[in-house]
Amino acid sequence: MAVSYLGPVHVTKVLLPKMLRPPEDASVQPKDRRIAFFSSIGGQISIYGYSGYAASKFAVRGFAAVLRQELEPTGILVTTVYPPDTDTPGFANENKGKPRVTEIISGPAGLWSPDAVATQVLHDILSGKPESVHGIVGWAVFLATSGVSLPHESMLGPLLAGILELVLAQPLRLLSMLSAFWMRWVIMRYASCHDTLISQTEGE
C-alpha cells in the first residue's frame, strides 16, 4: 500500500495545486493537463495469490474515479490505466514465485510487449480517456466491472457505446459467473496439491 497506493496519492497531493494554478506565462493550461494512475486487472477482479497487491490496486481505482469527478470542472483529465501482463524483467522475476493457480488464472489475458502497452497507454492518456484497457480481455473485464460509470470512450461515441454496453451487460454477467466457477475449479484442483501449498508458503 505504501508504494502502489500511497505513493500516487502523495505525489498527486504535491503536484495538483500547481496544476490547478499554473503561472500566468505557462504554455499549458489546466484543460491541457493530464493525470494517470496505474491500477491493474487485479484491481478490477479477484485473482488468487494477489490479496495484498489487489488491495492497493482497488484503492488506486477508487481514488482515481473520485478524483476524476472532482477535477472534471477544472478541465484536468484523469486516466486510470489497467495494463496487462507485460514482457518485462520485473514480470519475469514475479513469475519465479508465482503459484501455479495464479499462472493458470492469469494466462488467458496473454503476455503483451512493452512497446505495444506503452504506445496505447500514452495515446489514451494524451487523449484524456478515463480508462486505458488492453485487448478483448481487458475491455470485457472493464465492462463487466464498470458499475456506476460513464460509457467507455471509443470511436462509437458515448451514445452508441452506452447502447452497446447495455446490450452486452447480461452476456458479460453470464461470462463473469462462468469465469468465477472456472477460477474456483482451478483453485480447488491445484491448491489442494501438496506441492502447490508448499510453494505458496515459501513465497510468502
C-alpha atoms as a PDB file:
ATOM      1  CA  MET A   1       0.000   0.000   0.000  1.00  0.00           C
ATOM      2  CA  ALA A   2       2.843   2.390   0.821  1.00  0.00           C
ATOM      3  CA  VAL A   3       4.140   2.332  -2.760  1.00  0.00           C
ATOM      4  CA  SER A   4       1.275   1.227  -5.008  1.00  0.00           C
ATOM      5  CA  TYR A   5      -1.439   3.375  -3.394  1.00  0.00           C
ATOM      6  CA  LEU A   6       0.000   5.987  -1.026  1.00  0.00           C
ATOM      7  CA  GLY A   7       2.815   6.816  -3.463  1.00  0.00           C
ATOM      8  CA  PRO A   8       0.457   8.116  -6.183  1.00  0.00           C
ATOM      9  CA  VAL A   9      -1.737   9.820  -3.579  1.00  0.00           C
ATOM     10  CA  HIS A  10       1.168  11.781  -2.065  1.00  0.00           C
ATOM     11  CA  VAL A  11       2.576  12.771  -5.476  1.00  0.00           C
ATOM     12  CA  THR A  12      -0.868  13.995  -6.546  1.00  0.00           C
ATOM     13  CA  LYS A  13      -1.247  15.979  -3.333  1.00  0.00           C
ATOM     14  CA  VAL A  14       2.040  17.779  -4.010  1.00  0.00           C
ATOM     15  CA  LEU A  15       1.603  18.460  -7.735  1.00  0.00           C
ATOM     16  CA  LEU A  16      -2.132  19.077  -8.081  1.00  0.00           C
ATOM     17  CA  PRO A  17      -2.145  22.618  -6.602  1.00  0.00           C
ATOM     18  CA  LYS A  18       0.473  23.651  -9.178  1.00  0.00           C
ATOM     19  CA  MET A  19      -1.569  22.066 -11.967  1.00  0.00           C
ATOM     20  CA  LEU A  20      -4.666  23.961 -10.868  1.00  0.00           C
ATOM     21  CA  ARG A  21      -2.868  27.313 -10.587  1.00  0.00           C
ATOM     22  CA  PRO A  22      -0.172  27.447 -13.287  1.00  0.00           C
ATOM     23  CA  PRO A  23       1.908  30.621 -13.745  1.00  0.00           C
ATOM     24  CA  GLU A  24       0.327  33.241 -15.988  1.00  0.00           C
ATOM     25  CA  ASP A  25       3.021  32.727 -18.615  1.00  0.00           C
ATOM     26  CA  ALA A  26       2.608  28.936 -18.646  1.00  0.00           C
ATOM     27  CA  SER A  27       2.148  27.464 -22.114  1.00  0.00           C
ATOM     28  CA  VAL A  28      -0.037  24.631 -20.810  1.00  0.00           C
ATOM     29  CA  GLN A  29      -3.284  25.435 -19.014  1.00  0.00           C
ATOM     30  CA  PRO A  30      -5.282  23.112 -16.692  1.00  0.00           C
ATOM     31  CA  LYS A  31      -7.555  21.931 -19.517  1.00  0.00           C
ATOM     32  CA  ASP A  32      -4.479  20.568 -21.322  1.00  0.00           C
ATOM     33  CA  ARG A  33      -3.104  18.708 -18.306  1.00  0.00           C
ATOM     34  CA  ARG A  34      -3.350  15.006 -17.559  1.00  0.00           C
ATOM     35  CA  ILE A  35      -3.057  12.745 -14.526  1.00  0.00           C
ATOM     36  CA  ALA A  36      -2.639   8.987 -14.926  1.00  0.00           C
ATOM     37  CA  PHE A  37      -2.897   6.262 -12.307  1.00  0.00           C
ATOM     38  CA  PHE A  38      -1.788   2.688 -12.881  1.00  0.00           C
ATOM     39  CA  SER A  39      -4.145   0.104 -11.479  1.00  0.00           C
ATOM     40  CA  SER A  40      -4.347  -3.488 -12.739  1.00  0.00           C
ATOM     41  CA  ILE A  41      -6.763  -6.211 -13.759  1.00  0.00           C
ATOM     42  CA  GLY A  42      -6.022  -7.301 -10.182  1.00  0.00           C
ATOM     43  CA  GLY A  43      -7.699  -4.038  -9.181  1.00  0.00           C
ATOM     44  CA  GLN A  44     -10.876  -4.985 -11.052  1.00  0.00           C
ATOM     45  CA  ILE A  45     -11.411  -8.659 -10.190  1.00  0.00           C
ATOM     46  CA  SER A  46     -10.104 -11.038  -7.550  1.00  0.00           C
ATOM     47  CA  ILE A  47      -7.134 -13.139  -8.673  1.00  0.00           C
ATOM     48  CA  TYR A  48      -5.797 -15.918  -6.466  1.00  0.00           C
ATOM     49  CA  GLY A  49      -2.421 -15.081  -4.929  1.00  0.00           C
ATOM     50  CA  TYR A  50      -2.742 -11.296  -5.163  1.00  0.00           C
ATOM     51  CA  SER A  51      -4.512 -10.377  -1.920  1.00  0.00           C
ATOM     52  CA  GLY A  52      -2.069  -7.671  -0.819  1.00  0.00           C
ATOM     53  CA  TYR A  53      -1.467  -6.378  -4.339  1.00  0.00           C
ATOM     54  CA  ALA A  54      -5.182  -6.311  -5.154  1.00  0.00           C
ATOM     55  CA  ALA A  55      -5.983  -4.181  -2.110  1.00  0.00           C
ATOM     56  CA  SER A  56      -3.652  -1.416  -3.294  1.00  0.00           C
ATOM     57  CA  LYS A  57      -4.847  -1.570  -6.908  1.00  0.00           C
ATOM     58  CA  PHE A  58      -8.539  -1.497  -5.965  1.00  0.00           C
ATOM     59  CA  ALA A  59      -7.694   1.547  -3.834  1.00  0.00           C
ATOM     60  CA  VAL A  60      -5.967   3.247  -6.782  1.00  0.00           C
ATOM     61  CA  ARG A  61      -9.014   2.624  -8.948  1.00  0.00           C
ATOM     62  CA  GLY A  62     -11.358   4.189  -6.395  1.00  0.00           C
ATOM     63  CA  PHE A  63      -9.098   7.171  -5.759  1.00  0.00           C
ATOM     64  CA  ALA A  64      -8.758   7.876  -9.482  1.00  0.00           C
ATOM     65  CA  ALA A  65     -12.514   7.586 -10.091  1.00  0.00           C
ATOM     66  CA  VAL A  66     -13.389  10.109  -7.386  1.00  0.00           C
ATOM     67  CA  LEU A  67     -10.582  12.483  -8.350  1.00  0.00           C
ATOM     68  CA  ARG A  68     -11.807  12.352 -11.953  1.00  0.00           C
ATOM     69  CA  GLN A  69     -15.221  13.605 -10.817  1.00  0.00           C
ATOM     70  CA  GLU A  70     -13.720  16.304  -8.624  1.00  0.00           C
ATOM     71  CA  LEU A  71     -11.410  17.640 -11.338  1.00  0.00           C
ATOM     72  CA  GLU A  72     -13.795  17.494 -14.290  1.00  0.00           C
ATOM     73  CA  PRO A  73     -14.948  21.132 -13.838  1.00  0.00           C
ATOM     74  CA  THR A  74     -11.295  22.278 -13.961  1.00  0.00           C
ATOM     75  CA  GLY A  75     -10.535  20.612 -17.275  1.00  0.00           C
ATOM     76  CA  ILE A  76      -7.801  18.369 -15.868  1.00  0.00           C
ATOM     77  CA  LEU A  77      -8.415  14.841 -17.132  1.00  0.00           C
ATOM     78  CA  VAL A  78      -7.671  11.697 -15.129  1.00  0.00           C
ATOM     79  CA  THR A  79      -6.913   8.344 -16.745  1.00  0.00           C
ATOM     80  CA  THR A  80      -6.882   5.003 -14.943  1.00  0.00           C
ATOM     81  CA  VAL A  81      -4.602   2.516 -16.679  1.00  0.00           C
ATOM     82  CA  TYR A  82      -5.224  -1.228 -16.431  1.00  0.00           C
ATOM     83  CA  PRO A  83      -2.077  -2.676 -18.021  1.00  0.00           C
ATOM     84  CA  PRO A  84      -1.990  -6.358 -18.990  1.00  0.00           C
ATOM     85  CA  ASP A  85       0.818  -8.765 -18.139  1.00  0.00           C
ATOM     86  CA  THR A  86       3.815  -7.220 -19.896  1.00  0.00           C
ATOM     87  CA  ASP A  87       7.006  -8.951 -21.017  1.00  0.00           C
ATOM     88  CA  THR A  88       9.461  -7.128 -18.755  1.00  0.00           C
ATOM     89  CA  PRO A  89      12.287  -8.255 -16.420  1.00  0.00           C
ATOM     90  CA  GLY A  90      10.069  -7.348 -13.472  1.00  0.00           C
ATOM     91  CA  PHE A  91       7.305  -9.643 -14.677  1.00  0.00           C
ATOM     92  CA  ALA A  92       9.808 -12.456 -15.260  1.00  0.00           C
ATOM     93  CA  ASN A  93      11.062 -12.057 -11.692  1.00  0.00           C
ATOM     94  CA  GLU A  94       7.484 -12.056 -10.378  1.00  0.00           C
ATOM     95  CA  ASN A  95       6.818 -15.365 -12.120  1.00  0.00           C
ATOM     96  CA  LYS A  96       9.580 -17.113 -10.172  1.00  0.00           C
ATOM     97  CA  GLY A  97       7.449 -17.287  -7.037  1.00  0.00           C
ATOM     98  CA  LYS A  98       4.004 -17.245  -8.606  1.00  0.00           C
ATOM     99  CA  PRO A  99       1.658 -20.084  -7.543  1.00  0.00           C
ATOM    100  CA  ARG A 100       0.580 -22.450 -10.303  1.00  0.00           C
ATOM    101  CA  VAL A 101      -3.039 -21.454  -9.663  1.00  0.00           C
ATOM    102  CA  THR A 102      -2.242 -17.818 -10.399  1.00  0.00           C
ATOM    103  CA  GLU A 103      -0.408 -18.705 -13.601  1.00  0.00           C
ATOM    104  CA  ILE A 104      -3.426 -20.608 -14.907  1.00  0.00           C
ATOM    105  CA  ILE A 105      -5.970 -17.947 -13.954  1.00  0.00           C
ATOM    106  CA  SER A 106      -3.990 -15.058 -15.439  1.00  0.00           C
ATOM    107  CA  GLY A 107      -2.999 -16.990 -18.567  1.00  0.00           C
ATOM    108  CA  PRO A 108      -5.993 -16.156 -20.830  1.00  0.00           C
ATOM    109  CA  ALA A 109      -5.103 -12.448 -20.826  1.00  0.00           C
ATOM    110  CA  GLY A 110      -1.838 -13.243 -22.619  1.00  0.00           C
ATOM    111  CA  LEU A 111       1.539 -11.517 -22.475  1.00  0.00           C
ATOM    112  CA  TRP A 112       1.994  -8.133 -24.141  1.00  0.00           C
ATOM    113  CA  SER A 113       5.108  -6.427 -25.474  1.00  0.00           C
ATOM    114  CA  PRO A 114       6.276  -3.310 -23.598  1.00  0.00           C
ATOM    115  CA  ASP A 115       6.161  -1.216 -26.791  1.00  0.00           C
ATOM    116  CA  ALA A 116       2.545  -2.134 -27.532  1.00  0.00           C
ATOM    117  CA  VAL A 117       1.437  -1.360 -23.983  1.00  0.00           C
ATOM    118  CA  ALA A 118       3.372   1.912 -23.771  1.00  0.00           C
ATOM    119  CA  THR A 119       2.083   3.123 -27.148  1.00  0.00           C
ATOM    120  CA  GLN A 120      -1.550   2.564 -26.239  1.00  0.00           C
ATOM    121  CA  VAL A 121      -1.200   3.938 -22.710  1.00  0.00           C
ATOM    122  CA  LEU A 122       0.439   7.139 -23.960  1.00  0.00           C
ATOM    123  CA  HIS A 123      -2.255   7.588 -26.615  1.00  0.00           C
ATOM    124  CA  ASP A 124      -5.067   7.064 -24.100  1.00  0.00           C
ATOM    125  CA  ILE A 125      -3.550   9.478 -21.576  1.00  0.00           C
ATOM    126  CA  LEU A 126      -2.958  12.243 -24.121  1.00  0.00           C
ATOM    127  CA  SER A 127      -6.466  11.697 -25.496  1.00  0.00           C
ATOM    128  CA  GLY A 128      -7.863  12.145 -21.997  1.00  0.00           C
ATOM    129  CA  LYS A 129      -9.638   8.793 -21.900  1.00  0.00           C
ATOM    130  CA  PRO A 130     -10.999   7.952 -18.436  1.00  0.00           C
ATOM    131  CA  GLU A 131      -9.723   4.368 -18.720  1.00  0.00           C
ATOM    132  CA  SER A 132      -6.975   2.650 -20.668  1.00  0.00           C
ATOM    133  CA  VAL A 133      -7.630  -1.061 -21.245  1.00  0.00           C
ATOM    134  CA  HIS A 134      -5.874  -3.572 -23.476  1.00  0.00           C
ATOM    135  CA  GLY A 135      -7.263  -6.245 -25.758  1.00  0.00           C
ATOM    136  CA  ILE A 136     -10.562  -8.095 -25.726  1.00  0.00           C
ATOM    137  CA  VAL A 137      -9.998  -9.474 -22.223  1.00  0.00           C
ATOM    138  CA  GLY A 138      -9.185  -6.049 -20.796  1.00  0.00           C
ATOM    139  CA  TRP A 139     -12.197  -4.489 -22.492  1.00  0.00           C
ATOM    140  CA  ALA A 140     -14.547  -7.249 -21.297  1.00  0.00           C
ATOM    141  CA  VAL A 141     -13.255  -7.089 -17.718  1.00  0.00           C
ATOM    142  CA  PHE A 142     -13.717  -3.322 -17.668  1.00  0.00           C
ATOM    143  CA  LEU A 143     -17.295  -3.506 -18.939  1.00  0.00           C
ATOM    144  CA  ALA A 144     -18.148  -6.317 -16.525  1.00  0.00           C
ATOM    145  CA  THR A 145     -16.850  -4.320 -13.553  1.00  0.00           C
ATOM    146  CA  SER A 146     -17.704  -0.765 -14.648  1.00  0.00           C
ATOM    147  CA  GLY A 147     -20.512  -0.266 -12.115  1.00  0.00           C
ATOM    148  CA  VAL A 148     -21.727   3.338 -11.894  1.00  0.00           C
ATOM    149  CA  SER A 149     -19.662   4.951 -14.629  1.00  0.00           C
ATOM    150  CA  LEU A 150     -19.989   6.674 -17.974  1.00  0.00           C
ATOM    151  CA  PRO A 151     -19.763   4.568 -21.155  1.00  0.00           C
ATOM    152  CA  HIS A 152     -16.257   3.512 -22.124  1.00  0.00           C
ATOM    153  CA  GLU A 153     -14.886   6.051 -24.587  1.00  0.00           C
ATOM    154  CA  SER A 154     -14.405   4.652 -28.070  1.00  0.00           C
ATOM    155  CA  MET A 155     -14.791   5.564 -31.716  1.00  0.00           C
ATOM    156  CA  LEU A 156     -18.507   4.768 -31.390  1.00  0.00           C
ATOM    157  CA  GLY A 157     -19.232   7.873 -29.362  1.00  0.00           C
ATOM    158  CA  PRO A 158     -20.927   7.941 -25.941  1.00  0.00           C
ATOM    159  CA  LEU A 159     -24.472   7.170 -27.142  1.00  0.00           C
ATOM    160  CA  LEU A 160     -23.663   4.115 -29.261  1.00  0.00           C
ATOM    161  CA  ALA A 161     -21.073   2.949 -26.739  1.00  0.00           C
ATOM    162  CA  GLY A 162     -23.688   3.141 -23.983  1.00  0.00           C
ATOM    163  CA  ILE A 163     -26.218   1.177 -26.034  1.00  0.00           C
ATOM    164  CA  LEU A 164     -23.600  -1.480 -26.800  1.00  0.00           C
ATOM    165  CA  GLU A 165     -22.726  -1.797 -23.115  1.00  0.00           C
ATOM    166  CA  LEU A 166     -26.399  -2.247 -22.209  1.00  0.00           C
ATOM    167  CA  VAL A 167     -26.779  -4.962 -24.847  1.00  0.00           C
ATOM    168  CA  LEU A 168     -23.662  -6.752 -23.603  1.00  0.00           C
ATOM    169  CA  ALA A 169     -24.447  -6.376 -19.891  1.00  0.00           C
ATOM    170  CA  GLN A 170     -26.286  -9.680 -19.455  1.00  0.00           C
ATOM    171  CA  PRO A 171     -23.924 -11.777 -21.617  1.00  0.00           C
ATOM    172  CA  LEU A 172     -20.966 -10.316 -19.733  1.00  0.00           C
ATOM    173  CA  ARG A 173     -22.627 -11.121 -16.410  1.00  0.00           C
ATOM    174  CA  LEU A 174     -23.042 -14.711 -17.568  1.00  0.00           C
ATOM    175  CA  LEU A 175     -19.426 -14.807 -18.715  1.00  0.00           C
ATOM    176  CA  SER A 176     -18.338 -13.380 -15.354  1.00  0.00           C
ATOM    177  CA  MET A 177     -20.170 -16.114 -13.460  1.00  0.00           C
ATOM    178  CA  LEU A 178     -18.712 -18.820 -15.697  1.00  0.00           C
ATOM    179  CA  SER A 179     -15.254 -17.327 -15.164  1.00  0.00           C
ATOM    180  CA  ALA A 180     -15.794 -17.343 -11.399  1.00  0.00           C
ATOM    181  CA  PHE A 181     -16.805 -21.020 -11.469  1.00  0.00           C
ATOM    182  CA  TRP A 182     -13.774 -21.809 -13.632  1.00  0.00           C
ATOM    183  CA  MET A 183     -11.426 -19.989 -11.239  1.00  0.00           C
ATOM    184  CA  ARG A 184     -12.957 -21.855  -8.304  1.00  0.00           C
ATOM    185  CA  TRP A 185     -12.400 -25.157 -10.131  1.00  0.00           C
ATOM    186  CA  VAL A 186      -8.755 -24.269 -10.814  1.00  0.00           C
ATOM    187  CA  ILE A 187      -8.219 -23.245  -7.190  1.00  0.00           C
ATOM    188  CA  MET A 188      -9.835 -26.366  -5.767  1.00  0.00           C
ATOM    189  CA  ARG A 189      -7.877 -28.611  -8.122  1.00  0.00           C
ATOM    190  CA  TYR A 190      -4.412 -27.113  -7.796  1.00  0.00           C
ATOM    191  CA  ALA A 191      -4.499 -25.553  -4.330  1.00  0.00           C
ATOM    192  CA  SER A 192      -5.236 -28.993  -2.873  1.00  0.00           C
ATOM    193  CA  CYS A 193      -1.942 -30.360  -4.230  1.00  0.00           C
ATOM    194  CA  HIS A 194       0.798 -30.658  -1.601  1.00  0.00           C
ATOM    195  CA  ASP A 195       3.496 -29.169  -3.848  1.00  0.00           C
ATOM    196  CA  THR A 196       1.375 -26.128  -4.616  1.00  0.00           C
ATOM    197  CA  LEU A 197       0.674 -25.460  -0.957  1.00  0.00           C
ATOM    198  CA  ILE A 198       4.375 -25.689  -0.134  1.00  0.00           C
ATOM    199  CA  SER A 199       5.343 -23.315  -2.947  1.00  0.00           C
ATOM    200  CA  GLN A 200       2.741 -20.777  -1.785  1.00  0.00           C
ATOM    201  CA  THR A 201       4.009 -20.900   1.795  1.00  0.00           C
ATOM    202  CA  GLU A 202       7.618 -20.450   0.720  1.00  0.00           C
ATOM    203  CA  GLY A 203       6.681 -17.483  -1.439  1.00  0.00           C
ATOM    204  CA  GLU A 204       5.082 -15.503   1.381  1.00  0.00           C
END
